[in-house]
PDB file of all heavy atoms in Angstrom:
ATOM      1  N   ASP A   1      -1.181  20.789  12.873  1.00  0.00           N
ATOM      2  CA  ASP A   1      -2.062  19.701  13.288  1.00  0.00           C
ATOM      3  C   ASP A   1      -3.017  19.309  12.156  1.00  0.00           C
ATOM      4  O   ASP A   1      -3.227  18.144  11.886  1.00  0.00           O
ATOM      5  CB  ASP A   1      -2.850  20.130  14.532  1.00  0.00           C
ATOM      6  CG  ASP A   1      -3.644  18.987  15.140  1.00  0.00           C
ATOM      7  OD1 ASP A   1      -3.060  17.908  15.361  1.00  0.00           O
ATOM      8  OD2 ASP A   1      -4.848  19.142  15.389  1.00  0.00           O
ATOM      9  N   GLY A   2      -3.599  20.334  11.513  1.00  0.00           N
ATOM     10  CA  GLY A   2      -4.504  20.045  10.399  1.00  0.00           C
ATOM     11  C   GLY A   2      -3.784  19.446   9.194  1.00  0.00           C
ATOM     12  O   GLY A   2      -4.298  18.536   8.557  1.00  0.00           O
ATOM     13  N   ALA A   3      -2.586  19.987   8.905  1.00  0.00           N
ATOM     14  CA  ALA A   3      -1.820  19.465   7.786  1.00  0.00           C
ATOM     15  C   ALA A   3      -1.385  18.023   8.031  1.00  0.00           C
ATOM     16  O   ALA A   3      -1.406  17.181   7.100  1.00  0.00           O
ATOM     17  CB  ALA A   3      -0.597  20.344   7.543  1.00  0.00           C
ATOM     18  N   TYR A   4      -1.032  17.724   9.306  1.00  0.00           N
ATOM     19  CA  TYR A   4      -0.629  16.344   9.605  1.00  0.00           C
ATOM     20  C   TYR A   4      -1.832  15.397   9.418  1.00  0.00           C
ATOM     21  O   TYR A   4      -1.673  14.301   8.915  1.00  0.00           O
ATOM     22  CB  TYR A   4      -0.143  16.277  11.047  1.00  0.00           C
ATOM     23  CG  TYR A   4       0.251  14.852  11.477  1.00  0.00           C
ATOM     24  CD1 TYR A   4       1.417  14.296  11.037  1.00  0.00           C
ATOM     25  CD2 TYR A   4      -0.627  14.097  12.239  1.00  0.00           C
ATOM     26  CE1 TYR A   4       1.777  13.009  11.406  1.00  0.00           C
ATOM     27  CE2 TYR A   4      -0.302  12.794  12.602  1.00  0.00           C
ATOM     28  CZ  TYR A   4       0.899  12.258  12.167  1.00  0.00           C
ATOM     29  OH  TYR A   4       1.209  10.971  12.514  1.00  0.00           O
ATOM     30  N   SER A   5      -3.031  15.839   9.816  1.00  0.00           N
ATOM     31  CA  SER A   5      -4.230  15.026   9.637  1.00  0.00           C
ATOM     32  C   SER A   5      -4.479  14.778   8.151  1.00  0.00           C
ATOM     33  O   SER A   5      -4.846  13.674   7.746  1.00  0.00           O
ATOM     34  CB  SER A   5      -5.443  15.700  10.268  1.00  0.00           C
ATOM     35  OG  SER A   5      -5.300  15.805  11.674  1.00  0.00           O
ATOM     36  N   LEU A   6      -4.267  15.827   7.321  1.00  0.00           N
ATOM     37  CA  LEU A   6      -4.465  15.692   5.896  1.00  0.00           C
ATOM     38  C   LEU A   6      -3.469  14.737   5.259  1.00  0.00           C
ATOM     39  O   LEU A   6      -3.811  13.899   4.442  1.00  0.00           O
ATOM     40  CB  LEU A   6      -4.398  17.073   5.229  1.00  0.00           C
ATOM     41  CG  LEU A   6      -4.881  17.180   3.798  1.00  0.00           C
ATOM     42  CD1 LEU A   6      -6.367  16.831   3.726  1.00  0.00           C
ATOM     43  CD2 LEU A   6      -4.638  18.581   3.245  1.00  0.00           C
ATOM     44  N   VAL A   7      -2.193  14.880   5.665  1.00  0.00           N
ATOM     45  CA  VAL A   7      -1.161  13.987   5.151  1.00  0.00           C
ATOM     46  C   VAL A   7      -1.422  12.553   5.618  1.00  0.00           C
ATOM     47  O   VAL A   7      -1.267  11.599   4.858  1.00  0.00           O
ATOM     48  CB  VAL A   7       0.243  14.459   5.642  1.00  0.00           C
ATOM     49  CG1 VAL A   7       1.300  13.403   5.320  1.00  0.00           C
ATOM     50  CG2 VAL A   7       0.590  15.773   4.958  1.00  0.00           C
ATOM     51  N   SER A   8      -1.820  12.390   6.869  1.00  0.00           N
ATOM     52  CA  SER A   8      -2.141  11.078   7.394  1.00  0.00           C
ATOM     53  C   SER A   8      -3.286  10.433   6.621  1.00  0.00           C
ATOM     54  O   SER A   8      -3.271   9.227   6.345  1.00  0.00           O
ATOM     55  CB  SER A   8      -2.506  11.136   8.905  1.00  0.00           C
ATOM     56  OG  SER A   8      -1.431  11.561   9.632  1.00  0.00           O
ATOM     57  N   LEU A   9      -4.278  11.242   6.268  1.00  0.00           N
ATOM     58  CA  LEU A   9      -5.420  10.765   5.492  1.00  0.00           C
ATOM     59  C   LEU A   9      -4.951  10.250   4.134  1.00  0.00           C
ATOM     60  O   LEU A   9      -5.314   9.135   3.700  1.00  0.00           O
ATOM     61  CB  LEU A   9      -6.443  11.888   5.314  1.00  0.00           C
ATOM     62  CG  LEU A   9      -7.599  11.608   4.359  1.00  0.00           C
ATOM     63  CD1 LEU A   9      -8.443  10.432   4.835  1.00  0.00           C
ATOM     64  CD2 LEU A   9      -8.453  12.872   4.227  1.00  0.00           C
ATOM     65  N   PHE A  10      -4.136  11.033   3.456  1.00  0.00           N
ATOM     66  CA  PHE A  10      -3.611  10.639   2.139  1.00  0.00           C
ATOM     67  C   PHE A  10      -2.784   9.363   2.252  1.00  0.00           C
ATOM     68  O   PHE A  10      -2.928   8.440   1.440  1.00  0.00           O
ATOM     69  CB  PHE A  10      -2.786  11.776   1.574  1.00  0.00           C
ATOM     70  CG  PHE A  10      -1.981  11.382   0.347  1.00  0.00           C
ATOM     71  CD1 PHE A  10      -2.616  11.143  -0.848  1.00  0.00           C
ATOM     72  CD2 PHE A  10      -0.601  11.267   0.396  1.00  0.00           C
ATOM     73  CE1 PHE A  10      -1.896  10.769  -1.968  1.00  0.00           C
ATOM     74  CE2 PHE A  10       0.123  10.906  -0.703  1.00  0.00           C
ATOM     75  CZ  PHE A  10      -0.519  10.651  -1.909  1.00  0.00           C
ATOM     76  N   LEU A  11      -1.930   9.301   3.263  1.00  0.00           N
ATOM     77  CA  LEU A  11      -1.077   8.121   3.427  1.00  0.00           C
ATOM     78  C   LEU A  11      -1.864   6.889   3.843  1.00  0.00           C
ATOM     79  O   LEU A  11      -1.472   5.781   3.457  1.00  0.00           O
ATOM     80  CB  LEU A  11       0.017   8.416   4.473  1.00  0.00           C
ATOM     81  CG  LEU A  11       1.024   9.509   4.072  1.00  0.00           C
ATOM     82  CD1 LEU A  11       2.018   9.742   5.206  1.00  0.00           C
ATOM     83  CD2 LEU A  11       1.779   9.148   2.803  1.00  0.00           C
ATOM     84  N   THR A  12      -2.969   7.079   4.551  1.00  0.00           N
ATOM     85  CA  THR A  12      -3.850   5.957   4.870  1.00  0.00           C
ATOM     86  C   THR A  12      -4.437   5.349   3.629  1.00  0.00           C
ATOM     87  O   THR A  12      -4.532   4.149   3.449  1.00  0.00           O
ATOM     88  CB  THR A  12      -4.964   6.401   5.857  1.00  0.00           C
ATOM     89  OG1 THR A  12      -4.361   6.796   7.081  1.00  0.00           O
ATOM     90  CG2 THR A  12      -5.927   5.248   6.118  1.00  0.00           C
ATOM     91  N   LEU A  13      -4.871   6.224   2.704  1.00  0.00           N
ATOM     92  CA  LEU A  13      -5.416   5.780   1.440  1.00  0.00           C
ATOM     93  C   LEU A  13      -4.376   5.011   0.614  1.00  0.00           C
ATOM     94  O   LEU A  13      -4.680   3.987  -0.012  1.00  0.00           O
ATOM     95  CB  LEU A  13      -5.958   6.959   0.631  1.00  0.00           C
ATOM     96  CG  LEU A  13      -7.130   7.731   1.249  1.00  0.00           C
ATOM     97  CD1 LEU A  13      -7.479   8.952   0.386  1.00  0.00           C
ATOM     98  CD2 LEU A  13      -8.340   6.815   1.375  1.00  0.00           C
ATOM     99  N   VAL A  14      -3.153   5.506   0.665  1.00  0.00           N
ATOM    100  CA  VAL A  14      -2.057   4.795  -0.006  1.00  0.00           C
ATOM    101  C   VAL A  14      -1.831   3.427   0.616  1.00  0.00           C
ATOM    102  O   VAL A  14      -1.652   2.409  -0.069  1.00  0.00           O
ATOM    103  CB  VAL A  14      -0.749   5.627   0.048  1.00  0.00           C
ATOM    104  CG1 VAL A  14       0.437   4.808  -0.471  1.00  0.00           C
ATOM    105  CG2 VAL A  14      -0.890   6.907  -0.736  1.00  0.00           C
ATOM    106  N   SER A  15      -1.887   3.366   1.954  1.00  0.00           N
ATOM    107  CA  SER A  15      -1.694   2.127   2.667  1.00  0.00           C
ATOM    108  C   SER A  15      -2.790   1.089   2.348  1.00  0.00           C
ATOM    109  O   SER A  15      -2.528  -0.087   2.172  1.00  0.00           O
ATOM    110  CB  SER A  15      -1.650   2.369   4.175  1.00  0.00           C
ATOM    111  OG  SER A  15      -0.564   3.202   4.502  1.00  0.00           O
ATOM    112  N   VAL A  16      -4.043   1.569   2.331  1.00  0.00           N
ATOM    113  CA  VAL A  16      -5.146   0.688   2.012  1.00  0.00           C
ATOM    114  C   VAL A  16      -5.022   0.143   0.595  1.00  0.00           C
ATOM    115  O   VAL A  16      -5.253  -1.061   0.346  1.00  0.00           O
ATOM    116  CB  VAL A  16      -6.496   1.422   2.155  1.00  0.00           C
ATOM    117  CG1 VAL A  16      -7.660   0.591   1.636  1.00  0.00           C
ATOM    118  CG2 VAL A  16      -6.757   1.789   3.626  1.00  0.00           C
ATOM    119  N   ALA A  17      -4.608   0.996  -0.335  1.00  0.00           N
ATOM    120  CA  ALA A  17      -4.392   0.555  -1.703  1.00  0.00           C
ATOM    121  C   ALA A  17      -3.273  -0.495  -1.801  1.00  0.00           C
ATOM    122  O   ALA A  17      -3.381  -1.500  -2.498  1.00  0.00           O
ATOM    123  CB  ALA A  17      -4.042   1.748  -2.616  1.00  0.00           C
ATOM    124  N   ALA A  18      -2.229  -0.252  -1.014  1.00  0.00           N
ATOM    125  CA  ALA A  18      -1.107  -1.204  -1.005  1.00  0.00           C
ATOM    126  C   ALA A  18      -1.537  -2.544  -0.383  1.00  0.00           C
ATOM    127  O   ALA A  18      -1.142  -3.621  -0.878  1.00  0.00           O
ATOM    128  CB  ALA A  18       0.068  -0.613  -0.193  1.00  0.00           C
ATOM    129  N   ALA A  19      -2.343  -2.459   0.688  1.00  0.00           N
ATOM    130  CA  ALA A  19      -2.823  -3.677   1.342  1.00  0.00           C
ATOM    131  C   ALA A  19      -3.685  -4.474   0.376  1.00  0.00           C
ATOM    132  O   ALA A  19      -3.622  -5.724   0.304  1.00  0.00           O
ATOM    133  CB  ALA A  19      -3.617  -3.328   2.575  1.00  0.00           C
ATOM    134  N   SER A  20      -4.526  -3.771  -0.423  1.00  0.00           N
ATOM    135  CA  SER A  20      -5.373  -4.451  -1.426  1.00  0.00           C
ATOM    136  C   SER A  20      -4.514  -5.142  -2.457  1.00  0.00           C
ATOM    137  O   SER A  20      -4.828  -6.230  -2.909  1.00  0.00           O
ATOM    138  CB  SER A  20      -6.329  -3.455  -2.053  1.00  0.00           C
ATOM    139  OG  SER A  20      -7.175  -2.849  -1.114  1.00  0.00           O
ATOM    140  N   TYR A  21      -3.423  -4.483  -2.845  1.00  0.00           N
ATOM    141  CA  TYR A  21      -2.527  -5.066  -3.836  1.00  0.00           C
ATOM    142  C   TYR A  21      -1.858  -6.310  -3.305  1.00  0.00           C
ATOM    143  O   TYR A  21      -1.702  -7.311  -3.992  1.00  0.00           O
ATOM    144  CB  TYR A  21      -1.462  -4.040  -4.233  1.00  0.00           C
ATOM    145  CG  TYR A  21      -0.439  -4.550  -5.192  1.00  0.00           C
ATOM    146  CD1 TYR A  21      -0.713  -4.708  -6.549  1.00  0.00           C
ATOM    147  CD2 TYR A  21       0.834  -4.946  -4.747  1.00  0.00           C
ATOM    148  CE1 TYR A  21       0.207  -5.202  -7.426  1.00  0.00           C
ATOM    149  CE2 TYR A  21       1.779  -5.452  -5.618  1.00  0.00           C
ATOM    150  CZ  TYR A  21       1.464  -5.556  -6.982  1.00  0.00           C
ATOM    151  OH  TYR A  21       2.395  -6.064  -7.820  1.00  0.00           O
ATOM    152  N   ILE A  22      -1.466  -6.273  -2.017  1.00  0.00           N
ATOM    153  CA  ILE A  22      -0.807  -7.427  -1.405  1.00  0.00           C
ATOM    154  C   ILE A  22      -1.747  -8.625  -1.364  1.00  0.00           C
ATOM    155  O   ILE A  22      -1.361  -9.772  -1.624  1.00  0.00           O
ATOM    156  CB  ILE A  22      -0.326  -7.088   0.016  1.00  0.00           C
ATOM    157  CG1 ILE A  22       0.821  -6.094  -0.054  1.00  0.00           C
ATOM    158  CG2 ILE A  22       0.129  -8.346   0.766  1.00  0.00           C
ATOM    159  CD1 ILE A  22       1.288  -5.578   1.304  1.00  0.00           C
ATOM    160  N   HIS A  23      -3.033  -8.388  -1.063  1.00  0.00           N
ATOM    161  CA  HIS A  23      -3.994  -9.465  -0.933  1.00  0.00           C
ATOM    162  C   HIS A  23      -4.638  -9.911  -2.264  1.00  0.00           C
ATOM    163  O   HIS A  23      -5.335 -10.902  -2.315  1.00  0.00           O
ATOM    164  CB  HIS A  23      -5.147  -9.037   0.031  1.00  0.00           C
ATOM    165  CG  HIS A  23      -4.758  -9.114   1.481  1.00  0.00           C
ATOM    166  ND1 HIS A  23      -4.444 -10.302   2.073  1.00  0.00           N
ATOM    167  CD2 HIS A  23      -4.621  -8.155   2.401  1.00  0.00           C
ATOM    168  CE1 HIS A  23      -4.151 -10.078   3.351  1.00  0.00           C
ATOM    169  NE2 HIS A  23      -4.220  -8.779   3.568  1.00  0.00           N
ATOM    170  N   LYS A  24      -4.383  -9.123  -3.304  1.00  0.00           N
ATOM    171  CA  LYS A  24      -4.983  -9.448  -4.593  1.00  0.00           C
ATOM    172  C   LYS A  24      -4.481 -10.767  -5.127  1.00  0.00           C
ATOM    173  O   LYS A  24      -3.282 -10.999  -5.226  1.00  0.00           O
ATOM    174  CB  LYS A  24      -4.647  -8.326  -5.599  1.00  0.00           C
ATOM    175  CG  LYS A  24      -5.361  -8.492  -6.942  1.00  0.00           C
ATOM    176  CD  LYS A  24      -4.996  -7.334  -7.869  1.00  0.00           C
ATOM    177  CE  LYS A  24      -5.682  -7.469  -9.215  1.00  0.00           C
ATOM    178  NZ  LYS A  24      -5.358  -6.353 -10.127  1.00  0.00           N
ATOM    179  N   PRO A  25      -5.400 -11.678  -5.482  1.00  0.00           N
ATOM    180  CA  PRO A  25      -4.960 -12.998  -5.980  1.00  0.00           C
ATOM    181  C   PRO A  25      -4.281 -12.889  -7.339  1.00  0.00           C
ATOM    182  O   PRO A  25      -4.685 -12.079  -8.187  1.00  0.00           O
ATOM    183  CB  PRO A  25      -6.270 -13.795  -6.080  1.00  0.00           C
ATOM    184  CG  PRO A  25      -7.364 -12.774  -6.057  1.00  0.00           C
ATOM    185  CD  PRO A  25      -6.853 -11.572  -5.379  1.00  0.00           C
ATOM    186  N   ARG A  26      -3.262 -13.680  -7.535  1.00  0.00           N
ATOM    187  CA  ARG A  26      -2.511 -13.638  -8.792  1.00  0.00           C
ATOM    188  C   ARG A  26      -2.247 -15.039  -9.328  1.00  0.00           C
ATOM    189  O   ARG A  26      -1.986 -15.975  -8.542  1.00  0.00           O
ATOM    190  CB  ARG A  26      -1.121 -12.956  -8.579  1.00  0.00           C
ATOM    191  CG  ARG A  26      -1.210 -11.529  -8.111  1.00  0.00           C
ATOM    192  CD  ARG A  26       0.166 -11.013  -7.710  1.00  0.00           C
ATOM    193  NE  ARG A  26       0.071  -9.621  -7.346  1.00  0.00           N
ATOM    194  CZ  ARG A  26      -0.376  -9.203  -6.161  1.00  0.00           C
ATOM    195  NH1 ARG A  26      -0.772 -10.074  -5.263  1.00  0.00           N
ATOM    196  NH2 ARG A  26      -0.473  -7.920  -5.907  1.00  0.00           N
ATOM    197  N   LYS A  27      -2.304 -15.175 -10.617  1.00  0.00           N
ATOM    198  CA  LYS A  27      -2.004 -16.469 -11.232  1.00  0.00           C
ATOM    199  C   LYS A  27      -0.498 -16.688 -11.247  1.00  0.00           C
ATOM    200  O   LYS A  27      -0.017 -17.797 -11.042  1.00  0.00           O
ATOM    201  CB  LYS A  27      -2.557 -16.507 -12.651  1.00  0.00           C
ATOM    202  CG  LYS A  27      -4.069 -16.497 -12.717  1.00  0.00           C
ATOM    203  CD  LYS A  27      -4.558 -16.580 -14.166  1.00  0.00           C
ATOM    204  CE  LYS A  27      -6.090 -16.588 -14.213  1.00  0.00           C
ATOM    205  NZ  LYS A  27      -6.592 -16.660 -15.621  1.00  0.00           N
ATOM    206  N   ASN A  28       0.247 -15.643 -11.532  1.00  0.00           N
ATOM    207  CA  ASN A  28       1.707 -15.728 -11.548  1.00  0.00           C
ATOM    208  C   ASN A  28       2.290 -14.631 -10.692  1.00  0.00           C
ATOM    209  O   ASN A  28       2.770 -13.597 -11.202  1.00  0.00           O
ATOM    210  CB  ASN A  28       2.239 -15.596 -13.007  1.00  0.00           C
ATOM    211  CG  ASN A  28       1.722 -16.694 -13.896  1.00  0.00           C
ATOM    212  OD1 ASN A  28       1.880 -17.857 -13.585  1.00  0.00           O
ATOM    213  ND2 ASN A  28       1.138 -16.297 -15.043  1.00  0.00           N
ATOM    214  N   PRO A  29       2.238 -14.794  -9.385  1.00  0.00           N
ATOM    215  CA  PRO A  29       2.726 -13.740  -8.484  1.00  0.00           C
ATOM    216  C   PRO A  29       4.215 -13.475  -8.633  1.00  0.00           C
ATOM    217  O   PRO A  29       5.008 -14.411  -8.765  1.00  0.00           O
ATOM    218  CB  PRO A  29       2.411 -14.304  -7.103  1.00  0.00           C
ATOM    219  CG  PRO A  29       2.336 -15.781  -7.268  1.00  0.00           C
ATOM    220  CD  PRO A  29       1.807 -16.017  -8.666  1.00  0.00           C
ATOM    221  N   SER A  30       4.560 -12.233  -8.588  1.00  0.00           N
ATOM    222  CA  SER A  30       5.973 -11.852  -8.638  1.00  0.00           C
ATOM    223  C   SER A  30       6.487 -11.638  -7.220  1.00  0.00           C
ATOM    224  O   SER A  30       6.053 -10.730  -6.528  1.00  0.00           O
ATOM    225  CB  SER A  30       6.136 -10.558  -9.449  1.00  0.00           C
ATOM    226  OG  SER A  30       7.448 -10.079  -9.342  1.00  0.00           O
ATOM    227  N   ALA A  31       7.385 -12.502  -6.780  1.00  0.00           N
ATOM    228  CA  ALA A  31       7.887 -12.460  -5.398  1.00  0.00           C
ATOM    229  C   ALA A  31       8.546 -11.127  -5.091  1.00  0.00           C
ATOM    230  O   ALA A  31       8.350 -10.531  -4.032  1.00  0.00           O
ATOM    231  CB  ALA A  31       8.871 -13.586  -5.181  1.00  0.00           C
ATOM    232  N   ILE A  32       9.307 -10.611  -6.051  1.00  0.00           N
ATOM    233  CA  ILE A  32      10.019  -9.370  -5.835  1.00  0.00           C
ATOM    234  C   ILE A  32       9.072  -8.193  -5.687  1.00  0.00           C
ATOM    235  O   ILE A  32       9.159  -7.376  -4.777  1.00  0.00           O
ATOM    236  CB  ILE A  32      11.041  -9.118  -6.974  1.00  0.00           C
ATOM    237  CG1 ILE A  32      12.093 -10.204  -6.980  1.00  0.00           C
ATOM    238  CG2 ILE A  32      11.681  -7.753  -6.802  1.00  0.00           C
ATOM    239  CD1 ILE A  32      13.100 -10.066  -8.106  1.00  0.00           C
ATOM    240  N   ASN A  33       8.056  -8.108  -6.581  1.00  0.00           N
ATOM    241  CA  ASN A  33       7.137  -7.006  -6.550  1.00  0.00           C
ATOM    242  C   ASN A  33       6.310  -6.982  -5.255  1.00  0.00           C
ATOM    243  O   ASN A  33       6.171  -5.937  -4.651  1.00  0.00           O
ATOM    244  CB  ASN A  33       6.192  -7.052  -7.746  1.00  0.00           C
ATOM    245  CG  ASN A  33       6.929  -6.721  -9.050  1.00  0.00           C
ATOM    246  OD1 ASN A  33       7.967  -6.080  -9.014  1.00  0.00           O
ATOM    247  ND2 ASN A  33       6.368  -7.104 -10.183  1.00  0.00           N
ATOM    248  N   ILE A  34       5.769  -8.120  -4.877  1.00  0.00           N
ATOM    249  CA  ILE A  34       4.947  -8.219  -3.670  1.00  0.00           C
ATOM    250  C   ILE A  34       5.755  -7.890  -2.423  1.00  0.00           C
ATOM    251  O   ILE A  34       5.329  -7.160  -1.535  1.00  0.00           O
ATOM    252  CB  ILE A  34       4.323  -9.599  -3.549  1.00  0.00           C
ATOM    253  CG1 ILE A  34       3.353  -9.851  -4.722  1.00  0.00           C
ATOM    254  CG2 ILE A  34       3.517  -9.714  -2.240  1.00  0.00           C
ATOM    255  CD1 ILE A  34       2.783 -11.247  -4.732  1.00  0.00           C
ATOM    256  N   THR A  35       6.974  -8.411  -2.366  1.00  0.00           N
ATOM    257  CA  THR A  35       7.812  -8.194  -1.203  1.00  0.00           C
ATOM    258  C   THR A  35       8.163  -6.727  -1.022  1.00  0.00           C
ATOM    259  O   THR A  35       8.272  -6.227   0.098  1.00  0.00           O
ATOM    260  CB  THR A  35       9.116  -9.005  -1.342  1.00  0.00           C
ATOM    261  OG1 THR A  35       8.784 -10.377  -1.550  1.00  0.00           O
ATOM    262  CG2 THR A  35       9.983  -8.875  -0.116  1.00  0.00           C
ATOM    263  N   LYS A  36       8.355  -5.997  -2.141  1.00  0.00           N
ATOM    264  CA  LYS A  36       8.826  -4.621  -2.034  1.00  0.00           C
ATOM    265  C   LYS A  36       7.703  -3.584  -1.919  1.00  0.00           C
ATOM    266  O   LYS A  36       7.995  -2.405  -1.678  1.00  0.00           O
ATOM    267  CB  LYS A  36       9.679  -4.309  -3.267  1.00  0.00           C
ATOM    268  CG  LYS A  36      11.011  -5.061  -3.255  1.00  0.00           C
ATOM    269  CD  LYS A  36      11.956  -4.541  -4.315  1.00  0.00           C
ATOM    270  CE  LYS A  36      13.330  -5.209  -4.199  1.00  0.00           C
ATOM    271  NZ  LYS A  36      14.294  -4.712  -5.184  1.00  0.00           N
ATOM    272  N   VAL A  37       6.452  -4.013  -2.039  1.00  0.00           N
ATOM    273  CA  VAL A  37       5.349  -3.061  -1.916  1.00  0.00           C
ATOM    274  C   VAL A  37       5.360  -2.414  -0.525  1.00  0.00           C
ATOM    275  O   VAL A  37       5.283  -1.172  -0.402  1.00  0.00           O
ATOM    276  CB  VAL A  37       3.981  -3.738  -2.181  1.00  0.00           C
ATOM    277  CG1 VAL A  37       2.847  -2.801  -1.789  1.00  0.00           C
ATOM    278  CG2 VAL A  37       3.870  -4.111  -3.637  1.00  0.00           C
ATOM    279  N   GLU A  38       5.420  -3.256   0.500  1.00  0.00           N
ATOM    280  CA  GLU A  38       5.341  -2.725   1.878  1.00  0.00           C
ATOM    281  C   GLU A  38       6.442  -1.741   2.205  1.00  0.00           C
ATOM    282  O   GLU A  38       6.185  -0.627   2.627  1.00  0.00           O
ATOM    283  CB  GLU A  38       5.351  -3.874   2.869  1.00  0.00           C
ATOM    284  CG  GLU A  38       5.317  -3.413   4.317  1.00  0.00           C
ATOM    285  CD  GLU A  38       5.474  -4.584   5.291  1.00  0.00           C
ATOM    286  OE1 GLU A  38       5.176  -5.726   4.935  1.00  0.00           O
ATOM    287  OE2 GLU A  38       5.906  -4.316   6.423  1.00  0.00           O
ATOM    288  N   PRO A  39       7.741  -2.095   2.029  1.00  0.00           N
ATOM    289  CA  PRO A  39       8.800  -1.135   2.380  1.00  0.00           C
ATOM    290  C   PRO A  39       8.781   0.122   1.512  1.00  0.00           C
ATOM    291  O   PRO A  39       9.146   1.182   1.988  1.00  0.00           O
ATOM    292  CB  PRO A  39      10.087  -1.945   2.172  1.00  0.00           C
ATOM    293  CG  PRO A  39       9.703  -3.076   1.290  1.00  0.00           C
ATOM    294  CD  PRO A  39       8.311  -3.411   1.656  1.00  0.00           C
ATOM    295  N   MET A  40       8.332   0.002   0.257  1.00  0.00           N
ATOM    296  CA  MET A  40       8.240   1.190  -0.616  1.00  0.00           C
ATOM    297  C   MET A  40       7.201   2.177  -0.070  1.00  0.00           C
ATOM    298  O   MET A  40       7.458   3.369  -0.021  1.00  0.00           O
ATOM    299  CB  MET A  40       7.875   0.763  -2.045  1.00  0.00           C
ATOM    300  CG  MET A  40       9.018   0.120  -2.819  1.00  0.00           C
ATOM    301  SD  MET A  40       8.514  -0.477  -4.446  1.00  0.00           S
ATOM    302  CE  MET A  40       8.072   1.049  -5.237  1.00  0.00           C
TER     303      MET A  40
END
């Protein structure tokens, strides 16, 4: 139970970072990179 909470915490931080990357404004956005962030 504790290990799952710790893993969930780490994965939440990864998710938040990914979400920030998705929303980050870009001058020349790469369709392939943005599209594959979520499934990765």
